Amino acid sequence: GGGDIPAKIPNKPTKYRLFIANLPQGLNDAGLYEAFLPFGTVEEARVLRDIETGQSRRMAYVSFKKMTEMDEALEEMNESTICAKAPGSNGPPVCTKMEVHEAKPQKQTW
């Protein structure tokens, strides 16, 4: 019989992950990272983009090192305003009210 210790998976997604919706179109990964950095160690900040156009889908994932950091960010950032300049625009930043949720791990369907 084999050992009970599971193999270490490199780059395994953190379990302390938030899903953010209703982001301004112009917000990029760096802006997202900076917005959530005050809450702790951000391991990933990724704006979801359309595969065809590269346009932001106005949704993102942010992962934290610790559960306490994720909880605090969820508490503080849900329904708070975030601003970013529209892509290619010199106009004023566009501001939206974020919807922040805990990202549920994807369930296996088999």
PDB file of N, CA and C in Angstrom:
ATOM      1  N   GLY A   1       0.833  -1.208   0.000  1.00  0.00           N
ATOM      2  CA  GLY A   1       0.000   0.000   0.000  1.00  0.00           C
ATOM      3  C   GLY A   1       0.858   1.245   0.000  1.00  0.00           C
ATOM      4  N   GLY A   2       0.316   2.280  -0.598  1.00  0.00           N
ATOM      5  CA  GLY A   2       1.024   3.557  -0.653  1.00  0.00           C
ATOM      6  C   GLY A   2       0.857   4.321   0.643  1.00  0.00           C
ATOM      7  N   GLY A   3       1.598   5.397   0.778  1.00  0.00           N
ATOM      8  CA  GLY A   3       1.482   6.249   1.968  1.00  0.00           C
ATOM      9  C   GLY A   3       0.202   7.059   1.935  1.00  0.00           C
ATOM     10  N   ASP A   4      -0.167   7.625   3.072  1.00  0.00           N
ATOM     11  CA  ASP A   4      -1.396   8.421   3.165  1.00  0.00           C
ATOM     12  C   ASP A   4      -1.152   9.896   2.895  1.00  0.00           C
ATOM     13  N   ILE A   5       0.099  10.279   2.724  1.00  0.00           N
ATOM     14  CA  ILE A   5       0.410  11.693   2.551  1.00  0.00           C
ATOM     15  C   ILE A   5       0.179  12.068   1.088  1.00  0.00           C
ATOM     16  N   PRO A   6      -0.732  13.030   0.836  1.00  0.00           N
ATOM     17  CA  PRO A   6      -0.960  13.424  -0.562  1.00  0.00           C
ATOM     18  C   PRO A   6       0.257  14.139  -1.124  1.00  0.00           C
ATOM     19  N   ALA A   7       0.484  13.965  -2.399  1.00  0.00           N
ATOM     20  CA  ALA A   7       1.602  14.645  -3.051  1.00  0.00           C
ATOM     21  C   ALA A   7       1.367  16.145  -2.991  1.00  0.00           C
ATOM     22  N   LYS A   8       2.439  16.886  -2.819  1.00  0.00           N
ATOM     23  CA  LYS A   8       2.321  18.350  -2.814  1.00  0.00           C
ATOM     24  C   LYS A   8       2.046  18.835  -4.234  1.00  0.00           C
ATOM     25  N   ILE A   9       1.007  19.615  -4.384  1.00  0.00           N
ATOM     26  CA  ILE A   9       0.668  20.136  -5.702  1.00  0.00           C
ATOM     27  C   ILE A   9       1.244  21.536  -5.818  1.00  0.00           C
ATOM     28  N   PRO A  10       2.102  21.783  -6.812  1.00  0.00           N
ATOM     29  CA  PRO A  10       2.653  23.132  -6.942  1.00  0.00           C
ATOM     30  C   PRO A  10       1.561  24.119  -7.354  1.00  0.00           C
ATOM     31  N   ASN A  11       1.699  25.362  -6.908  1.00  0.00           N
ATOM     32  CA  ASN A  11       0.749  26.423  -7.257  1.00  0.00           C
ATOM     33  C   ASN A  11      -0.693  26.061  -6.937  1.00  0.00           C
ATOM     34  N   LYS A  12      -0.891  25.349  -5.832  1.00  0.00           N
ATOM     35  CA  LYS A  12      -2.280  24.989  -5.533  1.00  0.00           C
ATOM     36  C   LYS A  12      -3.049  26.248  -5.172  1.00  0.00           C
ATOM     37  N   PRO A  13      -4.283  26.349  -5.654  1.00  0.00           N
ATOM     38  CA  PRO A  13      -5.042  27.562  -5.355  1.00  0.00           C
ATOM     39  C   PRO A  13      -5.306  27.654  -3.855  1.00  0.00           C
ATOM     40  N   THR A  14      -5.175  28.841  -3.340  1.00  0.00           N
ATOM     41  CA  THR A  14      -5.413  29.028  -1.922  1.00  0.00           C
ATOM     42  C   THR A  14      -6.889  28.848  -1.623  1.00  0.00           C
ATOM     43  N   LYS A  15      -7.188  28.398  -0.414  1.00  0.00           N
ATOM     44  CA  LYS A  15      -8.608  28.231  -0.086  1.00  0.00           C
ATOM     45  C   LYS A  15      -9.218  29.526   0.456  1.00  0.00           C
ATOM     46  N   TYR A  16      -8.384  30.519   0.715  1.00  0.00           N
ATOM     47  CA  TYR A  16      -8.899  31.791   1.231  1.00  0.00           C
ATOM     48  C   TYR A  16      -9.062  32.767   0.076  1.00  0.00           C
ATOM     49  N   ARG A  17     -10.109  32.557  -0.696  1.00  0.00           N
ATOM     50  CA  ARG A  17     -10.263  33.294  -1.941  1.00  0.00           C
ATOM     51  C   ARG A  17     -11.603  34.013  -1.991  1.00  0.00           C
ATOM     52  N   LEU A  18     -11.554  35.255  -2.467  1.00  0.00           N
ATOM     53  CA  LEU A  18     -12.763  36.052  -2.644  1.00  0.00           C
ATOM     54  C   LEU A  18     -13.085  36.185  -4.127  1.00  0.00           C
ATOM     55  N   PHE A  19     -14.369  36.226  -4.409  1.00  0.00           N
ATOM     56  CA  PHE A  19     -14.843  36.507  -5.759  1.00  0.00           C
ATOM     57  C   PHE A  19     -15.448  37.904  -5.722  1.00  0.00           C
ATOM     58  N   ILE A  20     -15.006  38.774  -6.630  1.00  0.00           N
ATOM     59  CA  ILE A  20     -15.478  40.156  -6.645  1.00  0.00           C
ATOM     60  C   ILE A  20     -16.186  40.426  -7.962  1.00  0.00           C
ATOM     61  N   ALA A  21     -17.365  41.024  -7.884  1.00  0.00           N
ATOM     62  CA  ALA A  21     -18.132  41.369  -9.076  1.00  0.00           C
ATOM     63  C   ALA A  21     -18.394  42.871  -9.104  1.00  0.00           C
ATOM     64  N   ASN A  22     -18.845  43.350 -10.275  1.00  0.00           N
ATOM     65  CA  ASN A  22     -19.206  44.752 -10.481  1.00  0.00           C
ATOM     66  C   ASN A  22     -18.006  45.688 -10.347  1.00  0.00           C
ATOM     67  N   LEU A  23     -16.893  45.289 -10.946  1.00  0.00           N
ATOM     68  CA  LEU A  23     -15.694  46.135 -10.945  1.00  0.00           C
ATOM     69  C   LEU A  23     -15.755  47.126 -12.104  1.00  0.00           C
ATOM     70  N   PRO A  24     -15.067  48.271 -11.981  1.00  0.00           N
ATOM     71  CA  PRO A  24     -15.002  49.177 -13.134  1.00  0.00           C
ATOM     72  C   PRO A  24     -14.237  48.514 -14.272  1.00  0.00           C
ATOM     73  N   GLN A  25     -14.640  48.802 -15.482  1.00  0.00           N
ATOM     74  CA  GLN A  25     -14.066  48.186 -16.681  1.00  0.00           C
ATOM     75  C   GLN A  25     -12.545  48.343 -16.761  1.00  0.00           C
ATOM     76  N   GLY A  26     -12.045  49.488 -16.299  1.00  0.00           N
ATOM     77  CA  GLY A  26     -10.617  49.776 -16.464  1.00  0.00           C
ATOM     78  C   GLY A  26      -9.711  49.211 -15.389  1.00  0.00           C
ATOM     79  N   LEU A  27     -10.270  48.557 -14.371  1.00  0.00           N
ATOM     80  CA  LEU A  27      -9.424  48.055 -13.275  1.00  0.00           C
ATOM     81  C   LEU A  27      -8.591  46.873 -13.749  1.00  0.00           C
ATOM     82  N   ASN A  28      -7.276  46.919 -13.483  1.00  0.00           N
ATOM     83  CA  ASN A  28      -6.409  45.800 -13.864  1.00  0.00           C
ATOM     84  C   ASN A  28      -5.945  45.049 -12.616  1.00  0.00           C
ATOM     85  N   ASP A  29      -5.143  44.005 -12.838  1.00  0.00           N
ATOM     86  CA  ASP A  29      -4.682  43.174 -11.729  1.00  0.00           C
ATOM     87  C   ASP A  29      -3.927  43.989 -10.678  1.00  0.00           C
ATOM     88  N   ALA A  30      -3.094  44.925 -11.153  1.00  0.00           N
ATOM     89  CA  ALA A  30      -2.285  45.734 -10.226  1.00  0.00           C
ATOM     90  C   ALA A  30      -3.176  46.610  -9.349  1.00  0.00           C
ATOM     91  N   GLY A  31      -4.194  47.212  -9.951  1.00  0.00           N
ATOM     92  CA  GLY A  31      -5.116  48.050  -9.194  1.00  0.00           C
ATOM     93  C   GLY A  31      -5.907  47.248  -8.174  1.00  0.00           C
ATOM     94  N   LEU A  32      -6.286  46.055  -8.586  1.00  0.00           N
ATOM     95  CA  LEU A  32      -7.012  45.143  -7.701  1.00  0.00           C
ATOM     96  C   LEU A  32      -6.126  44.743  -6.518  1.00  0.00           C
ATOM     97  N   TYR A  33      -4.885  44.401  -6.834  1.00  0.00           N
ATOM     98  CA  TYR A  33      -3.914  44.003  -5.816  1.00  0.00           C
ATOM     99  C   TYR A  33      -3.736  45.110  -4.786  1.00  0.00           C
ATOM    100  N   GLU A  34      -3.554  46.331  -5.269  1.00  0.00           N
ATOM    101  CA  GLU A  34      -3.351  47.470  -4.358  1.00  0.00           C
ATOM    102  C   GLU A  34      -4.565  47.716  -3.473  1.00  0.00           C
ATOM    103  N   ALA A  35      -5.763  47.516  -4.034  1.00  0.00           N
ATOM    104  CA  ALA A  35      -6.989  47.764  -3.276  1.00  0.00           C
ATOM    105  C   ALA A  35      -7.139  46.802  -2.098  1.00  0.00           C
ATOM    106  N   PHE A  36      -6.645  45.559  -2.276  1.00  0.00           N
ATOM    107  CA  PHE A  36      -6.833  44.541  -1.237  1.00  0.00           C
ATOM    108  C   PHE A  36      -5.600  44.328  -0.372  1.00  0.00           C
ATOM    109  N   LEU A  37      -4.487  44.950  -0.730  1.00  0.00           N
ATOM    110  CA  LEU A  37      -3.244  44.795   0.015  1.00  0.00           C
ATOM    111  C   LEU A  37      -3.325  45.221   1.482  1.00  0.00           C
ATOM    112  N   PRO A  38      -4.106  46.262   1.825  1.00  0.00           N
ATOM    113  CA  PRO A  38      -4.152  46.666   3.244  1.00  0.00           C
ATOM    114  C   PRO A  38      -4.641  45.568   4.193  1.00  0.00           C
ATOM    115  N   PHE A  39      -5.281  44.540   3.667  1.00  0.00           N
ATOM    116  CA  PHE A  39      -5.877  43.521   4.539  1.00  0.00           C
ATOM    117  C   PHE A  39      -4.928  42.371   4.844  1.00  0.00           C
ATOM    118  N   GLY A  40      -3.791  42.327   4.160  1.00  0.00           N
ATOM    119  CA  GLY A  40      -2.844  41.251   4.455  1.00  0.00           C
ATOM    120  C   GLY A  40      -2.066  40.822   3.230  1.00  0.00           C
ATOM    121  N   THR A  41      -1.630  39.575   3.232  1.00  0.00           N
ATOM    122  CA  THR A  41      -0.797  39.048   2.157  1.00  0.00           C
ATOM    123  C   THR A  41      -1.682  38.575   1.006  1.00  0.00           C
ATOM    124  N   VAL A  42      -1.680  39.337  -0.084  1.00  0.00           N
ATOM    125  CA  VAL A  42      -2.463  38.964  -1.263  1.00  0.00           C
ATOM    126  C   VAL A  42      -1.619  38.000  -2.090  1.00  0.00           C
ATOM    127  N   GLU A  43      -2.119  36.777  -2.245  1.00  0.00           N
ATOM    128  CA  GLU A  43      -1.371  35.766  -2.997  1.00  0.00           C
ATOM    129  C   GLU A  43      -1.719  35.795  -4.474  1.00  0.00           C
ATOM    130  N   GLU A  44      -2.911  36.250  -4.782  1.00  0.00           N
ATOM    131  CA  GLU A  44      -3.337  36.337  -6.178  1.00  0.00           C
ATOM    132  C   GLU A  44      -4.370  37.448  -6.297  1.00  0.00           C
ATOM    133  N   ALA A  45      -4.256  38.234  -7.349  1.00  0.00           N
ATOM    134  CA  ALA A  45      -5.279  39.233  -7.662  1.00  0.00           C
ATOM    135  C   ALA A  45      -5.442  39.179  -9.178  1.00  0.00           C
ATOM    136  N   ARG A  46      -6.573  38.650  -9.610  1.00  0.00           N
ATOM    137  CA  ARG A  46      -6.717  38.388 -11.047  1.00  0.00           C
ATOM    138  C   ARG A  46      -8.078  38.835 -11.559  1.00  0.00           C
ATOM    139  N   VAL A  47      -8.048  39.791 -12.460  1.00  0.00           N
ATOM    140  CA  VAL A  47      -9.270  40.246 -13.126  1.00  0.00           C
ATOM    141  C   VAL A  47      -9.589  39.245 -14.239  1.00  0.00           C
ATOM    142  N   LEU A  48     -10.838  38.804 -14.300  1.00  0.00           N
ATOM    143  CA  LEU A  48     -11.242  37.861 -15.344  1.00  0.00           C
ATOM    144  C   LEU A  48     -11.450  38.612 -16.651  1.00  0.00           C
ATOM    145  N   ARG A  49     -10.892  38.081 -17.722  1.00  0.00           N
ATOM    146  CA  ARG A  49     -10.972  38.740 -19.025  1.00  0.00           C
ATOM    147  C   ARG A  49     -11.630  37.845 -20.062  1.00  0.00           C
ATOM    148  N   ASP A  50     -12.267  38.495 -21.018  1.00  0.00           N
ATOM    149  CA  ASP A  50     -12.866  37.791 -22.138  1.00  0.00           C
ATOM    150  C   ASP A  50     -11.744  37.196 -22.991  1.00  0.00           C
ATOM    151  N   ILE A  51     -11.833  35.917 -23.305  1.00  0.00           N
ATOM    152  CA  ILE A  51     -10.780  35.244 -24.057  1.00  0.00           C
ATOM    153  C   ILE A  51     -10.622  35.858 -25.449  1.00  0.00           C
ATOM    154  N   GLU A  52     -11.740  36.199 -26.080  1.00  0.00           N
ATOM    155  CA  GLU A  52     -11.701  36.744 -27.442  1.00  0.00           C
ATOM    156  C   GLU A  52     -11.125  38.165 -27.475  1.00  0.00           C
ATOM    157  N   THR A  53     -11.664  39.044 -26.651  1.00  0.00           N
ATOM    158  CA  THR A  53     -11.369  40.479 -26.770  1.00  0.00           C
ATOM    159  C   THR A  53     -10.319  40.980 -25.784  1.00  0.00           C
ATOM    160  N   GLY A  54     -10.086  40.231 -24.708  1.00  0.00           N
ATOM    161  CA  GLY A  54      -9.174  40.694 -23.670  1.00  0.00           C
ATOM    162  C   GLY A  54      -9.792  41.746 -22.762  1.00  0.00           C
ATOM    163  N   GLN A  55     -11.058  42.076 -23.014  1.00  0.00           N
ATOM    164  CA  GLN A  55     -11.760  43.057 -22.182  1.00  0.00           C
ATOM    165  C   GLN A  55     -12.052  42.471 -20.799  1.00  0.00           C
ATOM    166  N   SER A  56     -12.020  43.324 -19.803  1.00  0.00           N
ATOM    167  CA  SER A  56     -12.376  42.898 -18.456  1.00  0.00           C
ATOM    168  C   SER A  56     -13.824  42.438 -18.420  1.00  0.00           C
ATOM    169  N   ARG A  57     -14.073  41.345 -17.705  1.00  0.00           N
ATOM    170  CA  ARG A  57     -15.449  40.888 -17.504  1.00  0.00           C
ATOM    171  C   ARG A  57     -16.031  41.526 -16.234  1.00  0.00           C
ATOM    172  N   ARG A  58     -15.235  42.443 -15.641  1.00  0.00           N
ATOM    173  CA  ARG A  58     -15.657  43.212 -14.463  1.00  0.00           C
ATOM    174  C   ARG A  58     -15.860  42.314 -13.245  1.00  0.00           C
ATOM    175  N   MET A  59     -15.138  41.194 -13.250  1.00  0.00           N
ATOM    176  CA  MET A  59     -15.152  40.265 -12.124  1.00  0.00           C
ATOM    177  C   MET A  59     -13.710  39.862 -11.849  1.00  0.00           C
ATOM    178  N   ALA A  60     -13.445  39.408 -10.607  1.00  0.00           N
ATOM    179  CA  ALA A  60     -12.067  39.062 -10.274  1.00  0.00           C
ATOM    180  C   ALA A  60     -12.020  38.093  -9.102  1.00  0.00           C
ATOM    181  N   TYR A  61     -10.852  37.496  -8.942  1.00  0.00           N
ATOM    182  CA  TYR A  61     -10.551  36.683  -7.763  1.00  0.00           C
ATOM    183  C   TYR A  61      -9.394  37.327  -7.017  1.00  0.00           C
ATOM    184  N   VAL A  62      -9.501  37.342  -5.693  1.00  0.00           N
ATOM    185  CA  VAL A  62      -8.387  37.778  -4.845  1.00  0.00           C
ATOM    186  C   VAL A  62      -8.189  36.712  -3.780  1.00  0.00           C
ATOM    187  N   SER A  63      -6.940  36.247  -3.640  1.00  0.00           N
ATOM    188  CA  SER A  63      -6.630  35.204  -2.666  1.00  0.00           C
ATOM    189  C   SER A  63      -5.716  35.747  -1.584  1.00  0.00           C
ATOM    190  N   PHE A  64      -5.981  35.313  -0.363  1.00  0.00           N
ATOM    191  CA  PHE A  64      -5.182  35.728   0.783  1.00  0.00           C
ATOM    192  C   PHE A  64      -4.462  34.540   1.406  1.00  0.00           C
ATOM    193  N   LYS A  65      -3.402  34.855   2.139  1.00  0.00           N
ATOM    194  CA  LYS A  65      -2.621  33.822   2.814  1.00  0.00           C
ATOM    195  C   LYS A  65      -3.373  33.262   4.024  1.00  0.00           C
ATOM    196  N   LYS A  66      -4.108  34.127   4.718  1.00  0.00           N
ATOM    197  CA  LYS A  66      -4.784  33.692   5.952  1.00  0.00           C
ATOM    198  C   LYS A  66      -6.283  33.929   5.879  1.00  0.00           C
ATOM    199  N   MET A  67      -7.014  33.097   6.592  1.00  0.00           N
ATOM    200  CA  MET A  67      -8.465  33.216   6.650  1.00  0.00           C
ATOM    201  C   MET A  67      -8.889  34.543   7.278  1.00  0.00           C
ATOM    202  N   THR A  68      -8.167  34.977   8.303  1.00  0.00           N
ATOM    203  CA  THR A  68      -8.518  36.232   8.985  1.00  0.00           C
ATOM    204  C   THR A  68      -8.417  37.416   8.025  1.00  0.00           C
ATOM    205  N   GLU A  69      -7.412  37.373   7.147  1.00  0.00           N
ATOM    206  CA  GLU A  69      -7.236  38.446   6.169  1.00  0.00           C
ATOM    207  C   GLU A  69      -8.397  38.470   5.180  1.00  0.00           C
ATOM    208  N   MET A  70      -8.769  37.277   4.719  1.00  0.00           N
ATOM    209  CA  MET A  70      -9.887  37.170   3.783  1.00  0.00           C
ATOM    210  C   MET A  70     -11.172  37.683   4.423  1.00  0.00           C
ATOM    211  N   ASP A  71     -11.406  37.279   5.665  1.00  0.00           N
ATOM    212  CA  ASP A  71     -12.628  37.693   6.360  1.00  0.00           C
ATOM    213  C   ASP A  71     -12.699  39.208   6.520  1.00  0.00           C
ATOM    214  N   GLU A  72     -11.575  39.802   6.862  1.00  0.00           N
ATOM    215  CA  GLU A  72     -11.540  41.252   7.059  1.00  0.00           C
ATOM    216  C   GLU A  72     -11.780  41.982   5.734  1.00  0.00           C
ATOM    217  N   ALA A  73     -11.150  41.488   4.675  1.00  0.00           N
ATOM    218  CA  ALA A  73     -11.329  42.105   3.357  1.00  0.00           C
ATOM    219  C   ALA A  73     -12.788  41.991   2.906  1.00  0.00           C
ATOM    220  N   LEU A  74     -13.378  40.833   3.147  1.00  0.00           N
ATOM    221  CA  LEU A  74     -14.782  40.614   2.784  1.00  0.00           C
ATOM    222  C   LEU A  74     -15.676  41.610   3.515  1.00  0.00           C
ATOM    223  N   GLU A  75     -15.435  41.746   4.798  1.00  0.00           N
ATOM    224  CA  GLU A  75     -16.220  42.649   5.643  1.00  0.00           C
ATOM    225  C   GLU A  75     -16.097  44.109   5.186  1.00  0.00           C
ATOM    226  N   GLU A  76     -14.849  44.517   4.942  1.00  0.00           N
ATOM    227  CA  GLU A  76     -14.577  45.924   4.646  1.00  0.00           C
ATOM    228  C   GLU A  76     -14.893  46.308   3.195  1.00  0.00           C
ATOM    229  N   MET A  77     -14.636  45.399   2.266  1.00  0.00           N
ATOM    230  CA  MET A  77     -14.692  45.762   0.852  1.00  0.00           C
ATOM    231  C   MET A  77     -16.056  45.522   0.198  1.00  0.00           C
ATOM    232  N   ASN A  78     -16.881  44.658   0.784  1.00  0.00           N
ATOM    233  CA  ASN A  78     -18.183  44.420   0.170  1.00  0.00           C
ATOM    234  C   ASN A  78     -18.987  45.713   0.163  1.00  0.00           C
ATOM    235  N   GLU A  79     -19.519  46.064  -1.003  1.00  0.00           N
ATOM    236  CA  GLU A  79     -20.316  47.267  -1.217  1.00  0.00           C
ATOM    237  C   GLU A  79     -19.518  48.559  -1.046  1.00  0.00           C
ATOM    238  N   SER A  80     -18.192  48.443  -1.070  1.00  0.00           N
ATOM    239  CA  SER A  80     -17.403  49.670  -1.047  1.00  0.00           C
ATOM    240  C   SER A  80     -17.097  50.081  -2.486  1.00  0.00           C
ATOM    241  N   THR A  81     -16.714  51.339  -2.649  1.00  0.00           N
ATOM    242  CA  THR A  81     -16.511  51.901  -3.977  1.00  0.00           C
ATOM    243  C   THR A  81     -15.070  51.729  -4.410  1.00  0.00           C
ATOM    244  N   ILE A  82     -14.891  51.361  -5.669  1.00  0.00           N
ATOM    245  CA  ILE A  82     -13.556  51.265  -6.256  1.00  0.00           C
ATOM    246  C   ILE A  82     -13.582  52.009  -7.580  1.00  0.00           C
ATOM    247  N   CYS A  83     -12.497  52.710  -7.891  1.00  0.00           N
ATOM    248  CA  CYS A  83     -12.454  53.543  -9.092  1.00  0.00           C
ATOM    249  C   CYS A  83     -11.279  53.144  -9.975  1.00  0.00           C
ATOM    250  N   ALA A  84     -11.490  53.291 -11.274  1.00  0.00           N
ATOM    251  CA  ALA A  84     -10.409  53.066 -12.243  1.00  0.00           C
ATOM    252  C   ALA A  84     -10.748  53.825 -13.510  1.00  0.00           C
ATOM    253  N   LYS A  85      -9.710  54.334 -14.169  1.00  0.00           N
ATOM    254  CA  LYS A  85      -9.929  55.025 -15.444  1.00  0.00           C
ATOM    255  C   LYS A  85     -10.405  54.014 -16.485  1.00  0.00           C
ATOM    256  N   ALA A  86     -11.316  54.446 -17.328  1.00  0.00           N
ATOM    257  CA  ALA A  86     -11.763  53.589 -18.423  1.00  0.00           C
ATOM    258  C   ALA A  86     -10.577  53.312 -19.346  1.00  0.00           C
ATOM    259  N   PRO A  87     -10.530  52.107 -19.939  1.00  0.00           N
ATOM    260  CA  PRO A  87      -9.393  51.771 -20.805  1.00  0.00           C
ATOM    261  C   PRO A  87      -9.245  52.782 -21.944  1.00  0.00           C
ATOM    262  N   GLY A  88      -8.044  53.311 -22.124  1.00  0.00           N
ATOM    263  CA  GLY A  88      -7.769  54.240 -23.206  1.00  0.00           C
ATOM    264  C   GLY A  88      -8.422  55.604 -23.071  1.00  0.00           C
ATOM    265  N   SER A  89      -8.867  55.929 -21.858  1.00  0.00           N
ATOM    266  CA  SER A  89      -9.580  57.196 -21.668  1.00  0.00           C
ATOM    267  C   SER A  89      -8.742  58.158 -20.838  1.00  0.00           C
ATOM    268  N   ASN A  90      -8.861  59.434 -21.153  1.00  0.00           N
ATOM    269  CA  ASN A  90      -8.230  60.447 -20.310  1.00  0.00           C
ATOM    270  C   ASN A  90      -9.255  61.116 -19.410  1.00  0.00           C
ATOM    271  N   GLY A  91     -10.468  60.606 -19.450  1.00  0.00           N
ATOM    272  CA  GLY A  91     -11.550  61.182 -18.651  1.00  0.00           C
ATOM    273  C   GLY A  91     -11.413  60.830 -17.188  1.00  0.00           C
ATOM    274  N   PRO A  92     -12.390  61.234 -16.400  1.00  0.00           N
ATOM    275  CA  PRO A  92     -12.335  60.935 -14.964  1.00  0.00           C
ATOM    276  C   PRO A  92     -12.490  59.441 -14.717  1.00  0.00           C
ATOM    277  N   PRO A  93     -11.994  58.955 -13.591  1.00  0.00           N
ATOM    278  CA  PRO A  93     -12.143  57.530 -13.273  1.00  0.00           C
ATOM    279  C   PRO A  93     -13.618  57.150 -13.158  1.00  0.00           C
ATOM    280  N   VAL A  94     -13.893  55.905 -13.495  1.00  0.00           N
ATOM    281  CA  VAL A  94     -15.237  55.344 -13.339  1.00  0.00           C
ATOM    282  C   VAL A  94     -15.257  54.611 -12.000  1.00  0.00           C
ATOM    283  N   CYS A  95     -16.275  54.883 -11.184  1.00  0.00           N
ATOM    284  CA  CYS A  95     -16.369  54.241  -9.870  1.00  0.00           C
ATOM    285  C   CYS A  95     -17.579  53.308  -9.832  1.00  0.00           C
ATOM    286  N   THR A  96     -17.402  52.173  -9.201  1.00  0.00           N
ATOM    287  CA  THR A  96     -18.506  51.221  -9.035  1.00  0.00           C
ATOM    288  C   THR A  96     -18.509  50.713  -7.600  1.00  0.00           C
ATOM    289  N   LYS A  97     -19.607  50.123  -7.213  1.00  0.00           N
ATOM    290  CA  LYS A  97     -19.727  49.526  -5.888  1.00  0.00           C
ATOM    291  C   LYS A  97     -19.508  48.017  -6.021  1.00  0.00           C
ATOM    292  N   MET A  98     -18.439  47.542  -5.409  1.00  0.00           N
ATOM    293  CA  MET A  98     -18.077  46.123  -5.525  1.00  0.00           C
ATOM    294  C   MET A  98     -19.023  45.213  -4.775  1.00  0.00           C
ATOM    295  N   GLU A  99     -19.201  44.013  -5.324  1.00  0.00           N
ATOM    296  CA  GLU A  99     -19.879  42.936  -4.602  1.00  0.00           C
ATOM    297  C   GLU A  99     -18.812  41.892  -4.310  1.00  0.00           C
ATOM    298  N   VAL A 100     -18.571  41.654  -3.028  1.00  0.00           N
ATOM    299  CA  VAL A 100     -17.515  40.728  -2.634  1.00  0.00           C
ATOM    300  C   VAL A 100     -18.130  39.521  -1.942  1.00  0.00           C
ATOM    301  N   HIS A 101     -17.740  38.349  -2.394  1.00  0.00           N
ATOM    302  CA  HIS A 101     -18.252  37.094  -1.817  1.00  0.00           C
ATOM    303  C   HIS A 101     -17.085  36.158  -1.581  1.00  0.00           C
ATOM    304  N   GLU A 102     -17.261  35.223  -0.660  1.00  0.00           N
ATOM    305  CA  GLU A 102     -16.260  34.181  -0.518  1.00  0.00           C
ATOM    306  C   GLU A 102     -16.396  33.258  -1.724  1.00  0.00           C
ATOM    307  N   ALA A 103     -15.286  32.957  -2.390  1.00  0.00           N
ATOM    308  CA  ALA A 103     -15.332  32.077  -3.558  1.00  0.00           C
ATOM    309  C   ALA A 103     -15.488  30.646  -3.070  1.00  0.00           C
ATOM    310  N   LYS A 104     -16.528  29.994  -3.517  1.00  0.00           N
ATOM    311  CA  LYS A 104     -16.746  28.609  -3.111  1.00  0.00           C
ATOM    312  C   LYS A 104     -15.856  27.701  -3.952  1.00  0.00           C
ATOM    313  N   PRO A 105     -15.244  26.705  -3.308  1.00  0.00           N
ATOM    314  CA  PRO A 105     -14.445  25.777  -4.114  1.00  0.00           C
ATOM    315  C   PRO A 105     -15.362  25.059  -5.097  1.00  0.00           C
ATOM    316  N   GLN A 106     -14.859  24.797  -6.280  1.00  0.00           N
ATOM    317  CA  GLN A 106     -15.701  24.157  -7.281  1.00  0.00           C
ATOM    318  C   GLN A 106     -15.969  22.717  -6.856  1.00  0.00           C
ATOM    319  N   LYS A 107     -17.226  22.346  -6.943  1.00  0.00           N
ATOM    320  CA  LYS A 107     -17.598  20.976  -6.546  1.00  0.00           C
ATOM    321  C   LYS A 107     -17.317  20.006  -7.692  1.00  0.00           C
ATOM    322  N   GLN A 108     -16.871  18.836  -7.325  1.00  0.00           N
ATOM    323  CA  GLN A 108     -16.677  17.791  -8.321  1.00  0.00           C
ATOM    324  C   GLN A 108     -18.064  17.262  -8.702  1.00  0.00           C
ATOM    325  N   THR A 109     -18.269  17.011  -9.974  1.00  0.00           N
ATOM    326  CA  THR A 109     -19.600  16.583 -10.403  1.00  0.00           C
ATOM    327  C   THR A 109     -19.665  15.107 -10.751  1.00  0.00           C
ATOM    328  N   TRP A 110     -18.578  14.373 -10.406  1.00  0.00           N
ATOM    329  CA  TRP A 110     -18.670  12.941 -10.673  1.00  0.00           C
ATOM    330  C   TRP A 110     -18.556  12.156  -9.382  1.00  0.00           C
TER     331      TRP A 110
END
